[in-house]
Protein backbone atom coordinates (compact mmCIF):
# COMPACT_ATOMS: atom_id res chain seq x y z
CA MET A 1 0.00 0.00 0.00
CA THR A 2 1.38 3.40 -0.91
CA PRO A 3 1.72 6.11 1.73
CA LYS A 4 -1.11 8.03 0.05
CA GLU A 5 -3.39 4.99 0.13
CA LYS A 6 -2.55 4.35 3.79
CA ALA A 7 -3.20 8.01 4.66
CA ASN A 8 -6.62 7.85 3.01
CA GLN A 9 -7.38 4.54 4.70
CA LEU A 10 -6.56 5.94 8.16
CA TYR A 11 -8.50 9.13 7.50
CA ASN A 12 -11.56 7.29 6.21
CA LYS A 13 -11.49 4.84 9.10
CA MET A 14 -11.53 7.71 11.59
CA VAL A 15 -14.40 9.45 9.77
CA VAL A 16 -16.50 6.29 9.77
CA ASP A 17 -15.64 5.03 13.25
CA PHE A 18 -15.70 8.33 15.14
CA SER A 19 -17.90 10.63 13.05
CA ILE A 20 -15.75 13.70 13.76
CA ASP A 21 -15.10 16.74 11.59
CA HIS A 22 -12.35 17.04 8.98
CA TRP A 23 -9.83 18.91 11.15
CA GLN A 24 -10.28 16.55 14.12
CA THR A 25 -10.02 13.53 11.85
CA LYS A 26 -6.72 14.75 10.43
CA GLN A 27 -5.36 15.50 13.90
CA CYS A 28 -6.30 12.05 15.19
CA ALA A 29 -4.72 10.35 12.20
CA LEU A 30 -1.54 12.40 12.64
CA VAL A 31 -1.35 11.44 16.34
CA VAL A 32 -1.67 7.76 15.39
CA VAL A 33 1.13 8.04 12.82
CA ASP A 34 3.37 9.92 15.28
CA GLU A 35 2.90 7.10 17.78
CA ILE A 36 3.77 4.50 15.14
CA ILE A 37 6.95 6.41 14.26
CA LYS A 38 7.90 6.78 17.94
CA SER A 39 7.31 3.09 18.60
CA ASN A 40 9.97 2.28 16.02
CA GLU A 41 12.60 4.22 17.97
CA LEU A 42 14.51 1.84 20.21
CA ASP A 43 14.80 4.27 23.10
CA TYR A 44 11.02 4.61 23.19
CA PHE A 45 10.62 1.25 24.92
CA MET A 46 14.13 0.13 25.91
CA THR A 47 16.74 1.32 28.38
CA LYS A 48 20.21 2.37 27.21
CA ASP A 49 21.70 -0.86 28.60
CA GLU A 50 19.16 -2.94 26.67
CA ILE A 51 19.93 -1.04 23.48
CA ASP A 52 23.69 -1.42 23.99
CA SER A 53 23.30 -5.19 24.39
CA LEU A 54 21.54 -5.58 21.04
CA GLU A 55 23.36 -6.93 18.04
CA VAL A 56 22.01 -4.68 15.33
CA THR A 57 22.91 -5.45 11.74
CA LEU A 58 22.98 -3.12 8.76
CA ASP A 59 19.89 -4.93 7.47
CA ASP A 60 18.07 -4.08 10.70
CA LEU A 61 19.00 -0.43 10.35
CA TRP A 62 17.92 -0.41 6.71
CA LEU A 63 14.52 -1.89 7.56
CA ASN A 64 14.12 0.55 10.43
CA GLU A 65 14.87 3.49 8.12
CA ARG A 66 12.42 2.24 5.48
CA PHE A 67 9.69 1.80 8.10
CA THR A 68 10.20 5.30 9.45
CA LYS A 69 10.41 6.82 5.97
CA TYR A 70 7.14 5.11 4.95
CA TRP A 71 5.24 6.43 7.98
CA LYS A 72 6.67 9.93 7.55
CA GLU A 73 5.35 9.86 3.98
CA VAL A 74 1.96 8.73 5.30
CA LYS A 75 2.03 11.71 7.68
CA LYS A 76 2.72 14.08 4.77
CA GLU A 77 -0.17 12.61 2.81
CA ILE A 78 -2.55 12.99 5.75
CA SER A 79 -1.57 16.65 5.95
CA LYS A 80 -2.58 17.07 2.30
CA ILE A 81 -6.08 15.66 2.80
């Protein structure tokens, strides 16, 4: 699913499920995406010692960057709605 499609899906789900106005719908969708982006940051849910003990590979970092980039694009698309 493209970032634009995901943005529309999130927006439409909020409109249907919560029946709120356009501005509130956008704000809710943006909060959700911000939380998704934050949850991908290791320090969001791990201590420094836990992070230091991880064996992170370049592949892990690449996937992490792609994940974050995707959700940042979704956030941009929500802003355009």
